[in-house]
């Protein structure tokens, strides 16, 4: 089926930095999954643009730094699809999602 998400999204607000063509934008996520995030950002970054997303997840001391692509835009933000996450990044995100689901 077309248009269905592969990964469950969680309404998690997390500080992130989005980097595009040498410009850094400090913002936060509105929702997050293993496949990507919606970031609150009013910018001129176009649909399909490559970006880098940097974020810290509470269960990890490592910075997640992932190549991503803008997959959709709306007035108040961007939907970004993550490229390949490291195993440690995937683990840390899954721990965050488990804690969120448990109400922590």
PDB file of N, CA and C in Angstrom:
ATOM      1  N   UNK A   1       0.824  -1.179   0.000  1.00  0.00           N
ATOM      2  CA  UNK A   1       0.000   0.000   0.000  1.00  0.00           C
ATOM      3  C   UNK A   1       0.869   1.244   0.000  1.00  0.00           C
ATOM      4  N   UNK A   2       0.492   2.222  -0.737  1.00  0.00           N
ATOM      5  CA  UNK A   2       1.226   3.467  -0.809  1.00  0.00           C
ATOM      6  C   UNK A   2       0.760   4.419   0.286  1.00  0.00           C
ATOM      7  N   UNK A   3       1.707   5.192   0.852  1.00  0.00           N
ATOM      8  CA  UNK A   3       1.357   6.213   1.812  1.00  0.00           C
ATOM      9  C   UNK A   3       1.274   5.758   3.255  1.00  0.00           C
ATOM     10  N   UNK A   4       1.446   4.472   3.524  1.00  0.00           N
ATOM     11  CA  UNK A   4       1.411   4.011   4.906  1.00  0.00           C
ATOM     12  C   UNK A   4       2.796   4.132   5.520  1.00  0.00           C
ATOM     13  N   UNK A   5       2.828   4.520   6.771  1.00  0.00           N
ATOM     14  CA  UNK A   5       4.098   4.643   7.482  1.00  0.00           C
ATOM     15  C   UNK A   5       4.594   3.257   7.886  1.00  0.00           C
ATOM     16  N   UNK A   6       5.890   3.092   7.789  1.00  0.00           N
ATOM     17  CA  UNK A   6       6.512   1.843   8.196  1.00  0.00           C
ATOM     18  C   UNK A   6       6.737   1.841   9.709  1.00  0.00           C
ATOM     19  N   UNK A   7       7.070   3.017  10.261  1.00  0.00           N
ATOM     20  CA  UNK A   7       7.396   3.135  11.680  1.00  0.00           C
ATOM     21  C   UNK A   7       6.342   3.961  12.412  1.00  0.00           C
ATOM     22  N   UNK A   8       5.982   3.511  13.608  1.00  0.00           N
ATOM     23  CA  UNK A   8       5.035   4.250  14.432  1.00  0.00           C
ATOM     24  C   UNK A   8       5.639   5.592  14.847  1.00  0.00           C
ATOM     25  N   UNK A   9       4.821   6.640  14.795  1.00  0.00           N
ATOM     26  CA  UNK A   9       5.260   7.972  15.226  1.00  0.00           C
ATOM     27  C   UNK A   9       4.789   8.223  16.650  1.00  0.00           C
ATOM     28  N   UNK A  10       5.660   8.908  17.398  1.00  0.00           N
ATOM     29  CA  UNK A  10       5.361   9.240  18.786  1.00  0.00           C
ATOM     30  C   UNK A  10       5.387  10.757  18.948  1.00  0.00           C
ATOM     31  N   UNK A  11       4.410  11.318  19.690  1.00  0.00           N
ATOM     32  CA  UNK A  11       4.365  12.770  19.887  1.00  0.00           C
ATOM     33  C   UNK A  11       5.405  13.216  20.914  1.00  0.00           C
ATOM     34  N   UNK A  12       6.652  13.205  20.494  1.00  0.00           N
ATOM     35  CA  UNK A  12       7.769  13.514  21.383  1.00  0.00           C
ATOM     36  C   UNK A  12       8.436  14.811  20.932  1.00  0.00           C
ATOM     37  N   UNK A  13       8.600  15.712  21.884  1.00  0.00           N
ATOM     38  CA  UNK A  13       9.312  16.959  21.621  1.00  0.00           C
ATOM     39  C   UNK A  13      10.744  16.782  22.094  1.00  0.00           C
ATOM     40  N   UNK A  14      11.673  16.986  21.153  1.00  0.00           N
ATOM     41  CA  UNK A  14      13.084  16.776  21.425  1.00  0.00           C
ATOM     42  C   UNK A  14      13.867  17.870  20.701  1.00  0.00           C
ATOM     43  N   UNK A  15      14.801  18.535  21.364  1.00  0.00           N
ATOM     44  CA  UNK A  15      15.607  19.549  20.673  1.00  0.00           C
ATOM     45  C   UNK A  15      16.416  18.913  19.539  1.00  0.00           C
ATOM     46  N   UNK A  16      16.426  19.574  18.392  1.00  0.00           N
ATOM     47  CA  UNK A  16      17.197  19.096  17.240  1.00  0.00           C
ATOM     48  C   UNK A  16      17.840  20.273  16.532  1.00  0.00           C
ATOM     49  N   UNK A  17      18.879  19.968  15.790  1.00  0.00           N
ATOM     50  CA  UNK A  17      19.492  20.924  14.883  1.00  0.00           C
ATOM     51  C   UNK A  17      19.348  20.350  13.486  1.00  0.00           C
ATOM     52  N   UNK A  18      18.834  21.166  12.577  1.00  0.00           N
ATOM     53  CA  UNK A  18      18.721  20.782  11.173  1.00  0.00           C
ATOM     54  C   UNK A  18      19.753  21.611  10.416  1.00  0.00           C
ATOM     55  N   UNK A  19      20.598  20.938   9.635  1.00  0.00           N
ATOM     56  CA  UNK A  19      21.642  21.627   8.877  1.00  0.00           C
ATOM     57  C   UNK A  19      21.357  21.465   7.393  1.00  0.00           C
ATOM     58  N   UNK A  20      21.325  22.613   6.701  1.00  0.00           N
ATOM     59  CA  UNK A  20      21.084  22.611   5.257  1.00  0.00           C
ATOM     60  C   UNK A  20      21.994  23.653   4.615  1.00  0.00           C
ATOM     61  N   UNK A  21      22.801  23.196   3.685  1.00  0.00           N
ATOM     62  CA  UNK A  21      23.713  24.069   2.932  1.00  0.00           C
ATOM     63  C   UNK A  21      24.505  25.002   3.845  1.00  0.00           C
ATOM     64  N   UNK A  22      25.048  24.437   4.919  1.00  0.00           N
ATOM     65  CA  UNK A  22      25.889  25.202   5.827  1.00  0.00           C
ATOM     66  C   UNK A  22      25.150  26.042   6.858  1.00  0.00           C
ATOM     67  N   UNK A  23      23.846  26.089   6.787  1.00  0.00           N
ATOM     68  CA  UNK A  23      23.044  26.840   7.766  1.00  0.00           C
ATOM     69  C   UNK A  23      22.489  25.870   8.795  1.00  0.00           C
ATOM     70  N   UNK A  24      22.549  26.265  10.060  1.00  0.00           N
ATOM     71  CA  UNK A  24      22.019  25.438  11.148  1.00  0.00           C
ATOM     72  C   UNK A  24      20.775  26.085  11.722  1.00  0.00           C
ATOM     73  N   UNK A  25      19.750  25.274  11.950  1.00  0.00           N
ATOM     74  CA  UNK A  25      18.492  25.731  12.509  1.00  0.00           C
ATOM     75  C   UNK A  25      18.227  24.952  13.791  1.00  0.00           C
ATOM     76  N   UNK A  26      18.155  25.657  14.923  1.00  0.00           N
ATOM     77  CA  UNK A  26      17.837  25.038  16.207  1.00  0.00           C
ATOM     78  C   UNK A  26      16.322  24.996  16.335  1.00  0.00           C
ATOM     79  N   UNK A  27      15.772  23.829  16.598  1.00  0.00           N
ATOM     80  CA  UNK A  27      14.323  23.681  16.685  1.00  0.00           C
ATOM     81  C   UNK A  27      13.990  22.474  17.552  1.00  0.00           C
ATOM     82  N   UNK A  28      12.793  21.942  17.401  1.00  0.00           N
ATOM     83  CA  UNK A  28      12.445  20.711  18.116  1.00  0.00           C
ATOM     84  C   UNK A  28      11.499  19.873  17.266  1.00  0.00           C
ATOM     85  N   UNK A  29      11.443  18.608  17.624  1.00  0.00           N
ATOM     86  CA  UNK A  29      10.530  17.709  16.929  1.00  0.00           C
ATOM     87  C   UNK A  29       9.122  17.904  17.477  1.00  0.00           C
ATOM     88  N   UNK A  30       8.155  17.641  16.648  1.00  0.00           N
ATOM     89  CA  UNK A  30       6.760  17.571  17.108  1.00  0.00           C
ATOM     90  C   UNK A  30       6.384  16.103  17.251  1.00  0.00           C
ATOM     91  N   UNK A  31       6.922  15.280  16.347  1.00  0.00           N
ATOM     92  CA  UNK A  31       6.767  13.832  16.480  1.00  0.00           C
ATOM     93  C   UNK A  31       8.000  13.168  15.917  1.00  0.00           C
ATOM     94  N   UNK A  32       8.183  11.903  16.275  1.00  0.00           N
ATOM     95  CA  UNK A  32       9.437  11.223  15.992  1.00  0.00           C
ATOM     96  C   UNK A  32       9.184   9.734  15.789  1.00  0.00           C
ATOM     97  N   UNK A  33       9.935   9.129  14.883  1.00  0.00           N
ATOM     98  CA  UNK A  33       9.888   7.681  14.671  1.00  0.00           C
ATOM     99  C   UNK A  33      11.280   7.213  14.279  1.00  0.00           C
ATOM    100  N   UNK A  34      11.434   5.917  14.076  1.00  0.00           N
ATOM    101  CA  UNK A  34      12.714   5.412  13.585  1.00  0.00           C
ATOM    102  C   UNK A  34      12.970   5.843  12.143  1.00  0.00           C
ATOM    103  N   UNK A  35      11.915   6.180  11.434  1.00  0.00           N
ATOM    104  CA  UNK A  35      12.059   6.552  10.034  1.00  0.00           C
ATOM    105  C   UNK A  35      12.221   8.033   9.778  1.00  0.00           C
ATOM    106  N   UNK A  36      11.881   8.875  10.764  1.00  0.00           N
ATOM    107  CA  UNK A  36      11.985  10.301  10.537  1.00  0.00           C
ATOM    108  C   UNK A  36      11.301  11.105  11.623  1.00  0.00           C
ATOM    109  N   UNK A  37      11.079  12.378  11.308  1.00  0.00           N
ATOM    110  CA  UNK A  37      10.481  13.275  12.300  1.00  0.00           C
ATOM    111  C   UNK A  37       9.799  14.438  11.602  1.00  0.00           C
ATOM    112  N   UNK A  38       8.878  15.054  12.329  1.00  0.00           N
ATOM    113  CA  UNK A  38       8.362  16.349  11.913  1.00  0.00           C
ATOM    114  C   UNK A  38       9.062  17.356  12.797  1.00  0.00           C
ATOM    115  N   UNK A  39       9.741  18.330  12.185  1.00  0.00           N
ATOM    116  CA  UNK A  39      10.441  19.358  12.943  1.00  0.00           C
ATOM    117  C   UNK A  39       9.765  20.695  12.713  1.00  0.00           C
ATOM    118  N   UNK A  40       9.594  21.435  13.790  1.00  0.00           N
ATOM    119  CA  UNK A  40       8.968  22.749  13.696  1.00  0.00           C
ATOM    120  C   UNK A  40      10.000  23.729  13.162  1.00  0.00           C
ATOM    121  N   UNK A  41       9.773  24.198  11.942  1.00  0.00           N
ATOM    122  CA  UNK A  41      10.774  25.051  11.304  1.00  0.00           C
ATOM    123  C   UNK A  41      10.154  25.799  10.141  1.00  0.00           C
ATOM    124  N   UNK A  42      10.144  27.102  10.241  1.00  0.00           N
ATOM    125  CA  UNK A  42       9.717  27.932   9.120  1.00  0.00           C
ATOM    126  C   UNK A  42      10.989  28.319   8.372  1.00  0.00           C
ATOM    127  N   UNK A  43      11.167  27.769   7.176  1.00  0.00           N
ATOM    128  CA  UNK A  43      12.396  28.021   6.420  1.00  0.00           C
ATOM    129  C   UNK A  43      12.132  27.878   4.935  1.00  0.00           C
ATOM    130  N   UNK A  44      13.159  28.191   4.179  1.00  0.00           N
ATOM    131  CA  UNK A  44      13.067  28.054   2.732  1.00  0.00           C
ATOM    132  C   UNK A  44      13.708  26.759   2.241  1.00  0.00           C
ATOM    133  N   UNK A  45      13.898  25.803   3.133  1.00  0.00           N
ATOM    134  CA  UNK A  45      14.460  24.512   2.720  1.00  0.00           C
ATOM    135  C   UNK A  45      13.425  23.821   1.831  1.00  0.00           C
ATOM    136  N   UNK A  46      13.803  23.478   0.604  1.00  0.00           N
ATOM    137  CA  UNK A  46      12.812  22.920  -0.323  1.00  0.00           C
ATOM    138  C   UNK A  46      12.529  21.432  -0.114  1.00  0.00           C
ATOM    139  N   UNK A  47      11.366  21.025  -0.616  1.00  0.00           N
ATOM    140  CA  UNK A  47      11.006  19.608  -0.658  1.00  0.00           C
ATOM    141  C   UNK A  47      12.110  18.859  -1.405  1.00  0.00           C
ATOM    142  N   UNK A  48      12.495  17.709  -0.886  1.00  0.00           N
ATOM    143  CA  UNK A  48      13.511  16.883  -1.535  1.00  0.00           C
ATOM    144  C   UNK A  48      14.939  17.245  -1.190  1.00  0.00           C
ATOM    145  N   UNK A  49      15.127  18.304  -0.413  1.00  0.00           N
ATOM    146  CA  UNK A  49      16.480  18.745  -0.073  1.00  0.00           C
ATOM    147  C   UNK A  49      17.146  17.794   0.922  1.00  0.00           C
ATOM    148  N   UNK A  50      18.438  17.560   0.740  1.00  0.00           N
ATOM    149  CA  UNK A  50      19.171  16.794   1.746  1.00  0.00           C
ATOM    150  C   UNK A  50      19.474  17.693   2.945  1.00  0.00           C
ATOM    151  N   UNK A  51      19.312  17.150   4.135  1.00  0.00           N
ATOM    152  CA  UNK A  51      19.633  17.855   5.382  1.00  0.00           C
ATOM    153  C   UNK A  51      20.318  16.870   6.317  1.00  0.00           C
ATOM    154  N   UNK A  52      20.955  17.412   7.339  1.00  0.00           N
ATOM    155  CA  UNK A  52      21.481  16.577   8.425  1.00  0.00           C
ATOM    156  C   UNK A  52      20.689  16.926   9.669  1.00  0.00           C
ATOM    157  N   UNK A  53      20.370  15.924  10.438  1.00  0.00           N
ATOM    158  CA  UNK A  53      19.649  16.126  11.684  1.00  0.00           C
ATOM    159  C   UNK A  53      20.555  15.676  12.826  1.00  0.00           C
ATOM    160  N   UNK A  54      20.719  16.553  13.813  1.00  0.00           N
ATOM    161  CA  UNK A  54      21.509  16.258  15.015  1.00  0.00           C
ATOM    162  C   UNK A  54      20.575  16.324  16.209  1.00  0.00           C
ATOM    163  N   UNK A  55      20.633  15.303  17.051  1.00  0.00           N
ATOM    164  CA  UNK A  55      19.815  15.319  18.270  1.00  0.00           C
ATOM    165  C   UNK A  55      20.423  14.411  19.327  1.00  0.00           C
ATOM    166  N   UNK A  56      20.099  14.737  20.569  1.00  0.00           N
ATOM    167  CA  UNK A  56      20.494  13.896  21.700  1.00  0.00           C
ATOM    168  C   UNK A  56      19.245  13.235  22.254  1.00  0.00           C
ATOM    169  N   UNK A  57      19.377  11.958  22.511  1.00  0.00           N
ATOM    170  CA  UNK A  57      18.276  11.184  23.065  1.00  0.00           C
ATOM    171  C   UNK A  57      18.642  10.849  24.508  1.00  0.00           C
ATOM    172  N   UNK A  58      17.694  10.983  25.452  1.00  0.00           N
ATOM    173  CA  UNK A  58      18.010  10.789  26.874  1.00  0.00           C
ATOM    174  C   UNK A  58      18.755   9.502  27.230  1.00  0.00           C
ATOM    175  N   UNK A  59      18.516   8.404  26.551  1.00  0.00           N
ATOM    176  CA  UNK A  59      19.144   7.128  26.921  1.00  0.00           C
ATOM    177  C   UNK A  59      20.550   6.952  26.350  1.00  0.00           C
ATOM    178  N   UNK A  60      21.074   7.958  25.655  1.00  0.00           N
ATOM    179  CA  UNK A  60      22.385   7.818  25.026  1.00  0.00           C
ATOM    180  C   UNK A  60      23.235   9.056  25.263  1.00  0.00           C
ATOM    181  N   UNK A  61      24.523   8.846  25.418  1.00  0.00           N
ATOM    182  CA  UNK A  61      25.446   9.972  25.538  1.00  0.00           C
ATOM    183  C   UNK A  61      25.950  10.402  24.166  1.00  0.00           C
ATOM    184  N   UNK A  62      25.663   9.597  23.156  1.00  0.00           N
ATOM    185  CA  UNK A  62      26.110   9.878  21.788  1.00  0.00           C
ATOM    186  C   UNK A  62      25.135  10.815  21.081  1.00  0.00           C
ATOM    187  N   UNK A  63      25.671  11.708  20.275  1.00  0.00           N
ATOM    188  CA  UNK A  63      24.856  12.573  19.430  1.00  0.00           C
ATOM    189  C   UNK A  63      24.392  11.771  18.214  1.00  0.00           C
ATOM    190  N   UNK A  64      23.106  11.798  17.952  1.00  0.00           N
ATOM    191  CA  UNK A  64      22.607  11.200  16.712  1.00  0.00           C
ATOM    192  C   UNK A  64      22.833  12.230  15.612  1.00  0.00           C
ATOM    193  N   UNK A  65      23.524  11.824  14.575  1.00  0.00           N
ATOM    194  CA  UNK A  65      23.842  12.683  13.437  1.00  0.00           C
ATOM    195  C   UNK A  65      23.485  11.875  12.195  1.00  0.00           C
ATOM    196  N   UNK A  66      22.350  12.206  11.575  1.00  0.00           N
ATOM    197  CA  UNK A  66      21.855  11.366  10.493  1.00  0.00           C
ATOM    198  C   UNK A  66      21.528  12.191   9.248  1.00  0.00           C
ATOM    199  N   UNK A  67      22.015  11.703   8.117  1.00  0.00           N
ATOM    200  CA  UNK A  67      21.633  12.307   6.837  1.00  0.00           C
ATOM    201  C   UNK A  67      20.148  12.045   6.648  1.00  0.00           C
ATOM    202  N   UNK A  68      19.440  13.065   6.169  1.00  0.00           N
ATOM    203  CA  UNK A  68      17.997  12.971   6.022  1.00  0.00           C
ATOM    204  C   UNK A  68      17.570  13.703   4.757  1.00  0.00           C
ATOM    205  N   UNK A  69      16.290  13.557   4.417  1.00  0.00           N
ATOM    206  CA  UNK A  69      15.735  14.209   3.233  1.00  0.00           C
ATOM    207  C   UNK A  69      14.382  14.812   3.610  1.00  0.00           C
ATOM    208  N   UNK A  70      14.115  16.028   3.130  1.00  0.00           N
ATOM    209  CA  UNK A  70      12.816  16.657   3.359  1.00  0.00           C
ATOM    210  C   UNK A  70      11.797  15.947   2.473  1.00  0.00           C
ATOM    211  N   UNK A  71      10.810  15.297   3.090  1.00  0.00           N
ATOM    212  CA  UNK A  71       9.803  14.536   2.351  1.00  0.00           C
ATOM    213  C   UNK A  71       8.461  15.247   2.249  1.00  0.00           C
ATOM    214  N   UNK A  72       8.230  16.236   3.127  1.00  0.00           N
ATOM    215  CA  UNK A  72       7.030  17.061   2.999  1.00  0.00           C
ATOM    216  C   UNK A  72       7.218  18.334   3.798  1.00  0.00           C
ATOM    217  N   UNK A  73       6.453  19.344   3.415  1.00  0.00           N
ATOM    218  CA  UNK A  73       6.537  20.658   4.052  1.00  0.00           C
ATOM    219  C   UNK A  73       5.144  21.171   4.345  1.00  0.00           C
ATOM    220  N   UNK A  74       5.056  21.963   5.388  1.00  0.00           N
ATOM    221  CA  UNK A  74       3.860  22.749   5.635  1.00  0.00           C
ATOM    222  C   UNK A  74       4.342  24.054   6.264  1.00  0.00           C
ATOM    223  N   UNK A  75       3.446  24.981   6.487  1.00  0.00           N
ATOM    224  CA  UNK A  75       3.832  26.324   6.914  1.00  0.00           C
ATOM    225  C   UNK A  75       4.699  26.346   8.170  1.00  0.00           C
ATOM    226  N   UNK A  76       4.449  25.431   9.097  1.00  0.00           N
ATOM    227  CA  UNK A  76       5.158  25.479  10.377  1.00  0.00           C
ATOM    228  C   UNK A  76       6.233  24.406  10.550  1.00  0.00           C
ATOM    229  N   UNK A  77       6.571  23.690   9.475  1.00  0.00           N
ATOM    230  CA  UNK A  77       7.614  22.693   9.657  1.00  0.00           C
ATOM    231  C   UNK A  77       7.872  21.798   8.470  1.00  0.00           C
ATOM    232  N   UNK A  78       8.754  20.841   8.712  1.00  0.00           N
ATOM    233  CA  UNK A  78       9.216  19.909   7.689  1.00  0.00           C
ATOM    234  C   UNK A  78       9.084  18.477   8.182  1.00  0.00           C
ATOM    235  N   UNK A  79       8.717  17.592   7.289  1.00  0.00           N
ATOM    236  CA  UNK A  79       8.783  16.167   7.560  1.00  0.00           C
ATOM    237  C   UNK A  79      10.079  15.659   6.957  1.00  0.00           C
ATOM    238  N   UNK A  80      10.957  15.124   7.784  1.00  0.00           N
ATOM    239  CA  UNK A  80      12.231  14.609   7.285  1.00  0.00           C
ATOM    240  C   UNK A  80      12.285  13.099   7.444  1.00  0.00           C
ATOM    241  N   UNK A  81      12.820  12.469   6.426  1.00  0.00           N
ATOM    242  CA  UNK A  81      13.031  11.026   6.460  1.00  0.00           C
ATOM    243  C   UNK A  81      14.496  10.775   6.752  1.00  0.00           C
ATOM    244  N   UNK A  82      14.752   9.967   7.783  1.00  0.00           N
ATOM    245  CA  UNK A  82      16.124   9.651   8.147  1.00  0.00           C
ATOM    246  C   UNK A  82      16.737   8.681   7.146  1.00  0.00           C
ATOM    247  N   UNK A  83      18.047   8.837   6.950  1.00  0.00           N
ATOM    248  CA  UNK A  83      18.813   7.844   6.213  1.00  0.00           C
ATOM    249  C   UNK A  83      19.162   6.722   7.192  1.00  0.00           C
ATOM    250  N   UNK A  84      20.320   6.149   7.029  1.00  0.00           N
ATOM    251  CA  UNK A  84      20.723   5.026   7.893  1.00  0.00           C
ATOM    252  C   UNK A  84      21.106   5.484   9.289  1.00  0.00           C
ATOM    253  N   UNK A  85      20.454   4.895  10.269  1.00  0.00           N
ATOM    254  CA  UNK A  85      20.790   5.126  11.666  1.00  0.00           C
ATOM    255  C   UNK A  85      21.786   4.060  12.113  1.00  0.00           C
ATOM    256  N   UNK A  86      22.696   4.440  12.995  1.00  0.00           N
ATOM    257  CA  UNK A  86      23.602   3.462  13.591  1.00  0.00           C
ATOM    258  C   UNK A  86      22.812   2.579  14.556  1.00  0.00           C
ATOM    259  N   UNK A  87      23.334   1.421  14.868  1.00  0.00           N
ATOM    260  CA  UNK A  87      22.667   0.509  15.805  1.00  0.00           C
ATOM    261  C   UNK A  87      22.429   1.185  17.151  1.00  0.00           C
ATOM    262  N   UNK A  88      23.409   1.936  17.643  1.00  0.00           N
ATOM    263  CA  UNK A  88      23.271   2.626  18.920  1.00  0.00           C
ATOM    264  C   UNK A  88      22.148   3.666  18.866  1.00  0.00           C
ATOM    265  N   UNK A  89      22.019   4.362  17.737  1.00  0.00           N
ATOM    266  CA  UNK A  89      20.957   5.359  17.571  1.00  0.00           C
ATOM    267  C   UNK A  89      19.584   4.686  17.594  1.00  0.00           C
ATOM    268  N   UNK A  90      19.469   3.568  16.892  1.00  0.00           N
ATOM    269  CA  UNK A  90      18.208   2.826  16.851  1.00  0.00           C
ATOM    270  C   UNK A  90      17.837   2.341  18.250  1.00  0.00           C
ATOM    271  N   UNK A  91      18.813   1.819  18.979  1.00  0.00           N
ATOM    272  CA  UNK A  91      18.568   1.367  20.352  1.00  0.00           C
ATOM    273  C   UNK A  91      18.082   2.519  21.218  1.00  0.00           C
ATOM    274  N   UNK A  92      18.786   3.658  21.168  1.00  0.00           N
ATOM    275  CA  UNK A  92      18.436   4.803  22.010  1.00  0.00           C
ATOM    276  C   UNK A  92      17.036   5.325  21.689  1.00  0.00           C
ATOM    277  N   UNK A  93      16.698   5.405  20.412  1.00  0.00           N
ATOM    278  CA  UNK A  93      15.356   5.847  20.025  1.00  0.00           C
ATOM    279  C   UNK A  93      14.297   4.857  20.510  1.00  0.00           C
ATOM    280  N   UNK A  94      14.565   3.567  20.354  1.00  0.00           N
ATOM    281  CA  UNK A  94      13.602   2.569  20.839  1.00  0.00           C
ATOM    282  C   UNK A  94      13.399   2.657  22.350  1.00  0.00           C
ATOM    283  N   UNK A  95      14.462   2.932  23.104  1.00  0.00           N
ATOM    284  CA  UNK A  95      14.333   3.106  24.550  1.00  0.00           C
ATOM    285  C   UNK A  95      13.465   4.325  24.867  1.00  0.00           C
ATOM    286  N   UNK A  96      13.640   5.409  24.096  1.00  0.00           N
ATOM    287  CA  UNK A  96      12.827   6.603  24.267  1.00  0.00           C
ATOM    288  C   UNK A  96      11.365   6.307  23.983  1.00  0.00           C
ATOM    289  N   UNK A  97      11.102   5.563  22.911  1.00  0.00           N
ATOM    290  CA  UNK A  97       9.715   5.227  22.549  1.00  0.00           C
ATOM    291  C   UNK A  97       9.073   4.341  23.605  1.00  0.00           C
ATOM    292  N   UNK A  98       9.819   3.370  24.145  1.00  0.00           N
ATOM    293  CA  UNK A  98       9.290   2.505  25.202  1.00  0.00           C
ATOM    294  C   UNK A  98       8.934   3.309  26.435  1.00  0.00           C
ATOM    295  N   UNK A  99       9.812   4.230  26.815  1.00  0.00           N
ATOM    296  CA  UNK A  99       9.556   5.074  27.989  1.00  0.00           C
ATOM    297  C   UNK A  99       8.336   5.951  27.748  1.00  0.00           C
ATOM    298  N   UNK A 100       8.209   6.483  26.550  1.00  0.00           N
ATOM    299  CA  UNK A 100       7.051   7.334  26.223  1.00  0.00           C
ATOM    300  C   UNK A 100       5.759   6.514  26.288  1.00  0.00           C
ATOM    301  N   UNK A 101       5.790   5.312  25.724  1.00  0.00           N
ATOM    302  CA  UNK A 101       4.595   4.452  25.712  1.00  0.00           C
ATOM    303  C   UNK A 101       4.196   4.043  27.128  1.00  0.00           C
ATOM    304  N   UNK A 102       5.197   3.930  28.006  1.00  0.00           N
ATOM    305  CA  UNK A 102       4.923   3.543  29.390  1.00  0.00           C
ATOM    306  C   UNK A 102       4.502   4.740  30.244  1.00  0.00           C
ATOM    307  N   UNK A 103       4.533   5.926  29.645  1.00  0.00           N
ATOM    308  CA  UNK A 103       4.106   7.124  30.368  1.00  0.00           C
ATOM    309  C   UNK A 103       5.186   7.774  31.195  1.00  0.00           C
ATOM    310  N   UNK A 104       6.432   7.388  30.940  1.00  0.00           N
ATOM    311  CA  UNK A 104       7.549   7.952  31.731  1.00  0.00           C
ATOM    312  C   UNK A 104       7.913   9.337  31.254  1.00  0.00           C
TER     313      UNK A 104
END
